[in-house]
Amino acid sequence: RYTHGHSLRVMRYAMIIADEIMLPASQKEELRLCALLHDIGKVVIKDTLLSKEGPLTRQELQTIRMHPTIGYNIVEKISKSLSKKILSHHEHYDGNGYPDSLKGEDIPLVSRIISIADTLDAITTERPYRIAANIDYAVKEVQRNSGVQFDPVLVDAMVQAYNKGVLTLVKI
């Protein structure tokens, strides 16, 4: 239930960023599909692990970090292009993400957009281990990680959309 709402919200936030950077329609459709499917790899991870209230063990964290690769393997049967973008949604702009430690422009644009949208939703929705924060806090947190976790150009686009009042919390 949470993952479904999460995927829809991530897709909506991603599309707002895409509109702000004037992403071409063909890439927007690819982004929409990837955002909806970005966490499909979690379908094979036990719900008890995904909803654990306390800190994760090293083993549990490794299991959860497998979801991009699992998602890649699922979607690859349908589309190699989409699967590569799903695989990279936890890569960090500075190269310290996973699973492949990609850096900067080596991370597909669609994946870089999803990363920001995913983080916005993660911060602004309640989790078993913490309460939801407001959108102001989420935007500041993403800005704080500009150039480290996130593409600075895309962060600027997200901030512009927020300042215009286009980026607001999505309720699903």
N, C-alpha and C. Protein backbone atom coordinates (compact mmCIF):
# COMPACT_ATOMS: atom_id res chain seq x y z
N ARG A 1 0.82 -1.20 0.00
CA ARG A 1 0.00 0.00 0.00
C ARG A 1 0.87 1.26 0.00
N TYR A 2 1.86 1.31 0.90
CA TYR A 2 2.74 2.48 0.95
C TYR A 2 3.50 2.64 -0.36
N THR A 3 4.05 1.55 -0.88
CA THR A 3 4.87 1.64 -2.09
C THR A 3 4.08 2.16 -3.27
N HIS A 4 2.80 1.76 -3.39
CA HIS A 4 1.97 2.25 -4.48
C HIS A 4 1.82 3.78 -4.40
N GLY A 5 1.43 4.29 -3.24
CA GLY A 5 1.29 5.74 -3.06
C GLY A 5 2.61 6.44 -3.26
N HIS A 6 3.67 5.84 -2.73
CA HIS A 6 5.01 6.41 -2.88
C HIS A 6 5.37 6.55 -4.35
N SER A 7 5.15 5.52 -5.13
CA SER A 7 5.50 5.56 -6.56
C SER A 7 4.70 6.63 -7.30
N LEU A 8 3.45 6.77 -6.97
CA LEU A 8 2.63 7.81 -7.61
C LEU A 8 3.11 9.21 -7.25
N ARG A 9 3.44 9.40 -5.97
CA ARG A 9 3.94 10.72 -5.55
C ARG A 9 5.30 11.02 -6.18
N VAL A 10 6.18 10.03 -6.22
CA VAL A 10 7.49 10.22 -6.85
C VAL A 10 7.30 10.59 -8.32
N MET A 11 6.39 9.92 -8.99
CA MET A 11 6.12 10.24 -10.40
C MET A 11 5.64 11.69 -10.54
N ARG A 12 4.75 12.12 -9.68
CA ARG A 12 4.25 13.51 -9.78
C ARG A 12 5.35 14.52 -9.51
N TYR A 13 6.17 14.31 -8.48
CA TYR A 13 7.28 15.23 -8.20
C TYR A 13 8.27 15.23 -9.37
N ALA A 14 8.55 14.06 -9.90
CA ALA A 14 9.48 13.96 -11.03
C ALA A 14 8.97 14.73 -12.25
N MET A 15 7.67 14.64 -12.49
CA MET A 15 7.10 15.34 -13.65
C MET A 15 7.14 16.86 -13.46
N ILE A 16 7.02 17.32 -12.24
CA ILE A 16 7.12 18.76 -11.96
C ILE A 16 8.53 19.24 -12.28
N ILE A 17 9.54 18.48 -11.86
CA ILE A 17 10.93 18.83 -12.18
C ILE A 17 11.15 18.76 -13.68
N ALA A 18 10.61 17.75 -14.33
CA ALA A 18 10.75 17.61 -15.79
C ALA A 18 10.15 18.80 -16.52
N ASP A 19 8.99 19.25 -16.06
CA ASP A 19 8.37 20.44 -16.67
C ASP A 19 9.26 21.67 -16.49
N GLU A 20 9.86 21.78 -15.33
CA GLU A 20 10.70 22.95 -15.03
C GLU A 20 11.93 22.99 -15.93
N ILE A 21 12.49 21.85 -16.28
CA ILE A 21 13.67 21.83 -17.15
C ILE A 21 13.29 21.65 -18.62
N MET A 22 11.98 21.65 -18.88
CA MET A 22 11.45 21.50 -20.24
C MET A 22 11.95 20.23 -20.92
N LEU A 23 11.86 19.13 -20.19
CA LEU A 23 12.24 17.83 -20.72
C LEU A 23 11.34 17.49 -21.90
N PRO A 24 11.90 17.01 -23.01
CA PRO A 24 11.08 16.65 -24.17
C PRO A 24 10.04 15.58 -23.83
N ALA A 25 8.93 15.60 -24.54
CA ALA A 25 7.80 14.70 -24.27
C ALA A 25 8.21 13.23 -24.26
N SER A 26 9.07 12.83 -25.18
CA SER A 26 9.47 11.41 -25.22
C SER A 26 10.22 11.01 -23.94
N GLN A 27 11.06 11.89 -23.44
CA GLN A 27 11.78 11.60 -22.20
C GLN A 27 10.86 11.69 -20.99
N LYS A 28 9.85 12.55 -21.07
CA LYS A 28 8.89 12.65 -19.96
C LYS A 28 8.10 11.36 -19.82
N GLU A 29 7.77 10.73 -20.91
CA GLU A 29 7.04 9.47 -20.84
C GLU A 29 7.93 8.38 -20.22
N GLU A 30 9.18 8.36 -20.62
CA GLU A 30 10.13 7.42 -20.04
C GLU A 30 10.30 7.69 -18.54
N LEU A 31 10.40 8.95 -18.17
CA LEU A 31 10.50 9.34 -16.76
C LEU A 31 9.27 8.90 -15.99
N ARG A 32 8.10 9.11 -16.54
CA ARG A 32 6.85 8.73 -15.87
C ARG A 32 6.85 7.23 -15.57
N LEU A 33 7.20 6.43 -16.56
CA LEU A 33 7.22 4.98 -16.38
C LEU A 33 8.28 4.54 -15.36
N CYS A 34 9.47 5.11 -15.47
CA CYS A 34 10.54 4.75 -14.54
C CYS A 34 10.21 5.16 -13.11
N ALA A 35 9.62 6.33 -12.95
CA ALA A 35 9.25 6.78 -11.61
C ALA A 35 8.21 5.84 -10.99
N LEU A 36 7.25 5.43 -11.79
CA LEU A 36 6.23 4.51 -11.28
C LEU A 36 6.83 3.15 -10.92
N LEU A 37 7.85 2.73 -11.64
CA LEU A 37 8.44 1.40 -11.44
C LEU A 37 9.74 1.41 -10.64
N HIS A 38 10.20 2.57 -10.19
CA HIS A 38 11.55 2.66 -9.61
C HIS A 38 11.78 1.72 -8.43
N ASP A 39 10.75 1.42 -7.65
CA ASP A 39 10.91 0.54 -6.49
C ASP A 39 10.33 -0.85 -6.70
N ILE A 40 10.11 -1.23 -7.94
CA ILE A 40 9.50 -2.55 -8.20
C ILE A 40 10.33 -3.69 -7.62
N GLY A 41 11.62 -3.48 -7.46
CA GLY A 41 12.48 -4.50 -6.87
C GLY A 41 12.16 -4.81 -5.42
N LYS A 42 11.40 -3.94 -4.78
CA LYS A 42 11.02 -4.18 -3.38
C LYS A 42 9.95 -5.24 -3.24
N VAL A 43 9.34 -5.66 -4.35
CA VAL A 43 8.28 -6.67 -4.26
C VAL A 43 8.79 -8.00 -3.72
N VAL A 44 10.08 -8.26 -3.82
CA VAL A 44 10.63 -9.53 -3.33
C VAL A 44 11.26 -9.40 -1.94
N ILE A 45 11.22 -8.19 -1.38
CA ILE A 45 11.77 -7.97 -0.04
C ILE A 45 10.63 -8.05 0.97
N LYS A 46 10.86 -8.76 2.06
CA LYS A 46 9.82 -8.97 3.06
C LYS A 46 9.29 -7.64 3.60
N ASP A 47 7.96 -7.56 3.74
CA ASP A 47 7.32 -6.37 4.29
C ASP A 47 7.84 -6.05 5.69
N THR A 48 8.13 -7.08 6.46
CA THR A 48 8.61 -6.84 7.82
C THR A 48 9.93 -6.07 7.82
N LEU A 49 10.75 -6.30 6.82
CA LEU A 49 12.01 -5.58 6.70
C LEU A 49 11.75 -4.15 6.22
N LEU A 50 10.88 -4.00 5.24
CA LEU A 50 10.58 -2.67 4.69
C LEU A 50 9.89 -1.76 5.71
N SER A 51 9.19 -2.35 6.66
CA SER A 51 8.46 -1.55 7.65
C SER A 51 9.07 -1.63 9.05
N LYS A 52 10.31 -2.06 9.13
CA LYS A 52 10.98 -2.18 10.42
C LYS A 52 11.08 -0.82 11.11
N GLU A 53 10.78 -0.78 12.39
CA GLU A 53 10.76 0.48 13.12
C GLU A 53 12.14 0.93 13.60
N GLY A 54 12.98 0.01 13.96
CA GLY A 54 14.30 0.38 14.49
C GLY A 54 15.35 0.47 13.40
N PRO A 55 16.59 0.71 13.82
CA PRO A 55 17.69 0.78 12.85
C PRO A 55 17.90 -0.57 12.15
N LEU A 56 18.35 -0.49 10.92
CA LEU A 56 18.61 -1.70 10.14
C LEU A 56 20.00 -2.23 10.47
N THR A 57 20.13 -3.55 10.46
CA THR A 57 21.45 -4.16 10.60
C THR A 57 22.18 -4.00 9.26
N ARG A 58 23.45 -4.27 9.25
CA ARG A 58 24.23 -4.20 8.01
C ARG A 58 23.64 -5.14 6.95
N GLN A 59 23.28 -6.35 7.38
CA GLN A 59 22.69 -7.35 6.47
C GLN A 59 21.35 -6.85 5.91
N GLU A 60 20.52 -6.26 6.76
CA GLU A 60 19.21 -5.75 6.32
C GLU A 60 19.39 -4.61 5.33
N LEU A 61 20.34 -3.73 5.60
CA LEU A 61 20.61 -2.63 4.68
C LEU A 61 21.10 -3.16 3.34
N GLN A 62 21.95 -4.17 3.35
CA GLN A 62 22.41 -4.77 2.10
C GLN A 62 21.24 -5.38 1.32
N THR A 63 20.32 -6.00 2.02
CA THR A 63 19.15 -6.58 1.36
C THR A 63 18.31 -5.50 0.70
N ILE A 64 18.03 -4.42 1.42
CA ILE A 64 17.23 -3.33 0.85
C ILE A 64 17.95 -2.68 -0.32
N ARG A 65 19.26 -2.57 -0.22
CA ARG A 65 20.03 -1.95 -1.31
C ARG A 65 20.07 -2.81 -2.57
N MET A 66 19.55 -4.01 -2.50
CA MET A 66 19.47 -4.87 -3.69
C MET A 66 18.28 -4.51 -4.57
N HIS A 67 17.33 -3.69 -4.05
CA HIS A 67 16.10 -3.46 -4.82
C HIS A 67 16.31 -2.81 -6.18
N PRO A 68 17.29 -1.90 -6.38
CA PRO A 68 17.48 -1.39 -7.74
C PRO A 68 17.92 -2.49 -8.72
N THR A 69 18.78 -3.38 -8.27
CA THR A 69 19.25 -4.46 -9.13
C THR A 69 18.12 -5.45 -9.42
N ILE A 70 17.33 -5.75 -8.40
CA ILE A 70 16.18 -6.64 -8.60
C ILE A 70 15.21 -5.99 -9.58
N GLY A 71 14.94 -4.70 -9.40
CA GLY A 71 14.06 -3.96 -10.31
C GLY A 71 14.59 -3.98 -11.74
N TYR A 72 15.90 -3.78 -11.87
CA TYR A 72 16.55 -3.86 -13.18
C TYR A 72 16.27 -5.21 -13.83
N ASN A 73 16.46 -6.28 -13.08
CA ASN A 73 16.26 -7.63 -13.61
C ASN A 73 14.81 -7.87 -14.01
N ILE A 74 13.87 -7.31 -13.29
CA ILE A 74 12.45 -7.47 -13.63
C ILE A 74 12.11 -6.70 -14.90
N VAL A 75 12.50 -5.42 -14.94
CA VAL A 75 12.11 -4.53 -16.05
C VAL A 75 12.92 -4.80 -17.31
N GLU A 76 14.12 -5.35 -17.16
CA GLU A 76 14.98 -5.64 -18.31
C GLU A 76 14.27 -6.52 -19.33
N LYS A 77 13.40 -7.37 -18.86
CA LYS A 77 12.66 -8.27 -19.76
C LYS A 77 11.69 -7.50 -20.66
N ILE A 78 11.36 -6.29 -20.24
CA ILE A 78 10.43 -5.44 -21.01
C ILE A 78 11.19 -4.37 -21.79
N SER A 79 12.14 -3.72 -21.11
CA SER A 79 12.87 -2.61 -21.73
C SER A 79 14.24 -2.43 -21.09
N LYS A 80 15.29 -2.60 -21.88
CA LYS A 80 16.66 -2.38 -21.39
C LYS A 80 16.85 -0.92 -21.00
N SER A 81 16.31 0.00 -21.79
CA SER A 81 16.47 1.42 -21.52
C SER A 81 15.86 1.81 -20.18
N LEU A 82 14.63 1.38 -19.93
CA LEU A 82 13.97 1.70 -18.66
C LEU A 82 14.69 1.03 -17.50
N SER A 83 15.12 -0.21 -17.70
CA SER A 83 15.74 -0.96 -16.60
C SER A 83 17.03 -0.29 -16.13
N LYS A 84 17.81 0.27 -17.04
CA LYS A 84 19.07 0.93 -16.67
C LYS A 84 18.80 2.18 -15.83
N LYS A 85 17.72 2.86 -16.12
CA LYS A 85 17.38 4.07 -15.37
C LYS A 85 16.83 3.72 -13.98
N ILE A 86 16.09 2.63 -13.90
CA ILE A 86 15.60 2.15 -12.61
C ILE A 86 16.79 1.69 -11.75
N LEU A 87 17.74 1.03 -12.37
CA LEU A 87 18.93 0.56 -11.66
C LEU A 87 19.67 1.71 -10.99
N SER A 88 19.67 2.88 -11.60
CA SER A 88 20.53 3.99 -11.16
C SER A 88 19.86 5.02 -10.27
N HIS A 89 18.65 4.76 -9.79
CA HIS A 89 17.95 5.82 -9.03
C HIS A 89 18.51 6.07 -7.63
N HIS A 90 19.45 5.25 -7.17
CA HIS A 90 20.11 5.51 -5.88
C HIS A 90 21.58 5.88 -6.05
N GLU A 91 21.98 6.20 -7.26
CA GLU A 91 23.33 6.70 -7.48
C GLU A 91 23.40 8.14 -6.97
N HIS A 92 24.56 8.56 -6.50
CA HIS A 92 24.74 9.93 -6.00
C HIS A 92 25.62 10.71 -6.97
N TYR A 93 25.31 11.98 -7.08
CA TYR A 93 26.03 12.84 -8.01
C TYR A 93 27.54 12.81 -7.78
N ASP A 94 27.97 12.63 -6.52
CA ASP A 94 29.40 12.61 -6.21
C ASP A 94 30.04 11.23 -6.37
N GLY A 95 29.25 10.24 -6.79
CA GLY A 95 29.79 8.90 -7.01
C GLY A 95 29.69 7.97 -5.82
N ASN A 96 29.08 8.42 -4.72
CA ASN A 96 29.00 7.59 -3.51
C ASN A 96 27.67 6.86 -3.35
N GLY A 97 26.92 6.70 -4.42
CA GLY A 97 25.66 5.98 -4.35
C GLY A 97 25.84 4.51 -4.69
N TYR A 98 24.72 3.86 -4.99
CA TYR A 98 24.75 2.44 -5.33
C TYR A 98 23.73 2.14 -6.41
N PRO A 99 23.87 1.07 -7.17
CA PRO A 99 24.79 -0.06 -6.98
C PRO A 99 26.13 0.07 -7.70
N ASP A 100 26.29 1.02 -8.60
CA ASP A 100 27.48 1.05 -9.45
C ASP A 100 28.43 2.22 -9.20
N SER A 101 28.15 3.05 -8.20
CA SER A 101 28.98 4.21 -7.89
C SER A 101 29.17 5.14 -9.09
N LEU A 102 28.10 5.30 -9.87
CA LEU A 102 28.16 6.23 -11.00
C LEU A 102 28.26 7.66 -10.47
N LYS A 103 28.77 8.55 -11.30
CA LYS A 103 29.02 9.92 -10.87
C LYS A 103 28.52 10.92 -11.91
N GLY A 104 27.97 12.03 -11.46
CA GLY A 104 27.61 13.15 -12.32
C GLY A 104 26.77 12.75 -13.51
N GLU A 105 27.22 13.17 -14.69
CA GLU A 105 26.48 12.94 -15.93
C GLU A 105 26.48 11.48 -16.37
N ASP A 106 27.28 10.65 -15.72
CA ASP A 106 27.24 9.21 -16.02
C ASP A 106 25.94 8.57 -15.52
N ILE A 107 25.28 9.25 -14.58
CA ILE A 107 23.99 8.79 -14.08
C ILE A 107 22.94 9.27 -15.08
N PRO A 108 22.07 8.39 -15.57
CA PRO A 108 21.05 8.85 -16.52
C PRO A 108 20.21 10.00 -15.94
N LEU A 109 19.87 10.95 -16.78
CA LEU A 109 19.09 12.11 -16.37
C LEU A 109 17.80 11.68 -15.67
N VAL A 110 17.10 10.73 -16.23
CA VAL A 110 15.86 10.24 -15.63
C VAL A 110 16.11 9.76 -14.20
N SER A 111 17.19 9.05 -13.99
CA SER A 111 17.54 8.55 -12.65
C SER A 111 17.84 9.69 -11.69
N ARG A 112 18.53 10.73 -12.19
CA ARG A 112 18.85 11.88 -11.34
C ARG A 112 17.59 12.62 -10.91
N ILE A 113 16.62 12.70 -11.79
CA ILE A 113 15.34 13.35 -11.44
C ILE A 113 14.60 12.50 -10.41
N ILE A 114 14.52 11.20 -10.65
CA ILE A 114 13.83 10.30 -9.73
C ILE A 114 14.46 10.35 -8.34
N SER A 115 15.77 10.45 -8.28
CA SER A 115 16.46 10.51 -7.00
C SER A 115 15.96 11.67 -6.15
N ILE A 116 15.80 12.83 -6.75
CA ILE A 116 15.30 14.00 -6.03
C ILE A 116 13.85 13.79 -5.62
N ALA A 117 13.03 13.33 -6.55
CA ALA A 117 11.61 13.12 -6.27
C ALA A 117 11.42 12.07 -5.17
N ASP A 118 12.22 11.02 -5.23
CA ASP A 118 12.17 9.94 -4.23
C ASP A 118 12.51 10.49 -2.84
N THR A 119 13.51 11.32 -2.78
CA THR A 119 13.92 11.90 -1.50
C THR A 119 12.86 12.86 -0.96
N LEU A 120 12.28 13.67 -1.83
CA LEU A 120 11.20 14.57 -1.40
C LEU A 120 10.08 13.77 -0.75
N ASP A 121 9.70 12.68 -1.39
CA ASP A 121 8.62 11.88 -0.84
C ASP A 121 9.04 11.16 0.44
N ALA A 122 10.24 10.66 0.48
CA ALA A 122 10.72 9.96 1.68
C ALA A 122 10.70 10.88 2.90
N ILE A 123 11.09 12.11 2.70
CA ILE A 123 11.15 13.07 3.82
C ILE A 123 9.76 13.52 4.25
N THR A 124 8.85 13.65 3.30
CA THR A 124 7.54 14.24 3.60
C THR A 124 6.44 13.22 3.90
N THR A 125 6.79 11.95 3.99
CA THR A 125 5.80 10.95 4.37
C THR A 125 6.26 10.24 5.64
N GLU A 126 5.28 9.82 6.40
CA GLU A 126 5.59 9.14 7.65
C GLU A 126 6.20 7.78 7.38
N ARG A 127 7.21 7.46 8.14
CA ARG A 127 7.88 6.17 8.06
C ARG A 127 7.75 5.49 9.42
N PRO A 128 7.94 4.18 9.48
CA PRO A 128 7.82 3.49 10.78
C PRO A 128 8.80 4.05 11.82
N TYR A 129 9.91 4.61 11.36
CA TYR A 129 10.97 5.06 12.26
C TYR A 129 11.02 6.57 12.48
N ARG A 130 10.09 7.34 11.83
CA ARG A 130 10.07 8.79 12.06
C ARG A 130 8.80 9.41 11.48
N ILE A 131 8.49 10.61 11.97
CA ILE A 131 7.31 11.32 11.47
C ILE A 131 7.67 12.05 10.18
N ALA A 132 6.65 12.43 9.44
CA ALA A 132 6.85 13.16 8.18
C ALA A 132 7.28 14.60 8.48
N ALA A 133 8.14 15.12 7.62
CA ALA A 133 8.55 16.53 7.70
C ALA A 133 7.73 17.32 6.67
N ASN A 134 7.76 18.63 6.79
CA ASN A 134 7.03 19.46 5.83
C ASN A 134 7.86 19.69 4.56
N ILE A 135 7.21 20.22 3.57
CA ILE A 135 7.86 20.42 2.27
C ILE A 135 9.01 21.41 2.36
N ASP A 136 8.88 22.43 3.21
CA ASP A 136 9.97 23.41 3.37
C ASP A 136 11.25 22.71 3.82
N TYR A 137 11.12 21.85 4.81
CA TYR A 137 12.28 21.12 5.31
C TYR A 137 12.85 20.21 4.22
N ALA A 138 11.98 19.53 3.50
CA ALA A 138 12.42 18.60 2.44
C ALA A 138 13.21 19.34 1.36
N VAL A 139 12.70 20.48 0.95
CA VAL A 139 13.39 21.27 -0.09
C VAL A 139 14.76 21.70 0.41
N LYS A 140 14.83 22.16 1.65
CA LYS A 140 16.12 22.58 2.22
C LYS A 140 17.10 21.41 2.32
N GLU A 141 16.58 20.25 2.67
CA GLU A 141 17.43 19.06 2.79
C GLU A 141 18.00 18.66 1.42
N VAL A 142 17.17 18.72 0.39
CA VAL A 142 17.66 18.41 -0.96
C VAL A 142 18.70 19.46 -1.37
N GLN A 143 18.42 20.73 -1.09
CA GLN A 143 19.39 21.78 -1.41
C GLN A 143 20.72 21.55 -0.70
N ARG A 144 20.66 21.13 0.55
CA ARG A 144 21.86 20.89 1.34
C ARG A 144 22.73 19.80 0.71
N ASN A 145 22.11 18.89 -0.03
CA ASN A 145 22.83 17.79 -0.66
C ASN A 145 23.06 18.00 -2.16
N SER A 146 22.86 19.22 -2.62
CA SER A 146 23.11 19.57 -4.02
C SER A 146 24.60 19.41 -4.31
N GLY A 147 24.91 18.72 -5.40
CA GLY A 147 26.30 18.50 -5.79
C GLY A 147 26.93 17.32 -5.07
N VAL A 148 26.27 16.81 -4.05
CA VAL A 148 26.76 15.65 -3.32
C VAL A 148 25.91 14.44 -3.72
N GLN A 149 24.66 14.46 -3.27
CA GLN A 149 23.74 13.38 -3.64
C GLN A 149 23.00 13.71 -4.93
N PHE A 150 22.74 14.98 -5.16
CA PHE A 150 21.87 15.38 -6.26
C PHE A 150 22.55 16.31 -7.26
N ASP A 151 22.07 16.23 -8.50
CA ASP A 151 22.51 17.09 -9.59
C ASP A 151 22.13 18.54 -9.26
N PRO A 152 23.11 19.45 -9.17
CA PRO A 152 22.79 20.83 -8.78
C PRO A 152 21.85 21.55 -9.75
N VAL A 153 21.93 21.24 -11.02
CA VAL A 153 21.02 21.88 -12.00
C VAL A 153 19.59 21.45 -11.74
N LEU A 154 19.40 20.18 -11.43
CA LEU A 154 18.06 19.68 -11.15
C LEU A 154 17.55 20.17 -9.80
N VAL A 155 18.45 20.31 -8.84
CA VAL A 155 18.05 20.89 -7.55
C VAL A 155 17.56 22.32 -7.75
N ASP A 156 18.29 23.10 -8.56
CA ASP A 156 17.86 24.47 -8.86
C ASP A 156 16.47 24.48 -9.51
N ALA A 157 16.23 23.55 -10.42
CA ALA A 157 14.92 23.46 -11.07
C ALA A 157 13.83 23.12 -10.05
N MET A 158 14.12 22.20 -9.14
CA MET A 158 13.16 21.85 -8.10
C MET A 158 12.85 23.07 -7.23
N VAL A 159 13.88 23.82 -6.85
CA VAL A 159 13.69 25.02 -6.03
C VAL A 159 12.87 26.06 -6.78
N GLN A 160 13.12 26.22 -8.06
CA GLN A 160 12.34 27.17 -8.86
C GLN A 160 10.86 26.78 -8.88
N ALA A 161 10.60 25.50 -9.07
CA ALA A 161 9.22 25.02 -9.07
C ALA A 161 8.57 25.24 -7.70
N TYR A 162 9.34 25.02 -6.66
CA TYR A 162 8.84 25.24 -5.29
C TYR A 162 8.53 26.72 -5.06
N ASN A 163 9.46 27.58 -5.46
CA ASN A 163 9.27 29.03 -5.27
C ASN A 163 8.10 29.58 -6.07
N LYS A 164 7.79 28.97 -7.19
CA LYS A 164 6.64 29.37 -8.02
C LYS A 164 5.33 28.84 -7.45
N GLY A 165 5.41 27.93 -6.49
CA GLY A 165 4.21 27.32 -5.92
C GLY A 165 3.72 26.12 -6.71
N VAL A 166 4.52 25.66 -7.66
CA VAL A 166 4.15 24.50 -8.48
C VAL A 166 4.44 23.20 -7.73
N LEU A 167 5.53 23.19 -6.99
CA LEU A 167 5.91 22.01 -6.22
C LEU A 167 5.29 22.12 -4.82
N THR A 168 4.29 21.31 -4.59
CA THR A 168 3.62 21.24 -3.29
C THR A 168 3.48 19.76 -2.93
N LEU A 169 3.12 19.51 -1.68
CA LEU A 169 2.95 18.12 -1.26
C LEU A 169 1.83 17.45 -2.03
N VAL A 170 2.09 16.24 -2.47
CA VAL A 170 1.09 15.44 -3.16
C VAL A 170 0.47 14.51 -2.13
N LYS A 171 -0.84 14.50 -2.06
CA LYS A 171 -1.56 13.59 -1.15
C LYS A 171 -2.22 12.50 -1.96
N ILE A 172 -1.84 11.25 -1.67
CA ILE A 172 -2.45 10.10 -2.36
C ILE A 172 -2.84 9.09 -1.31
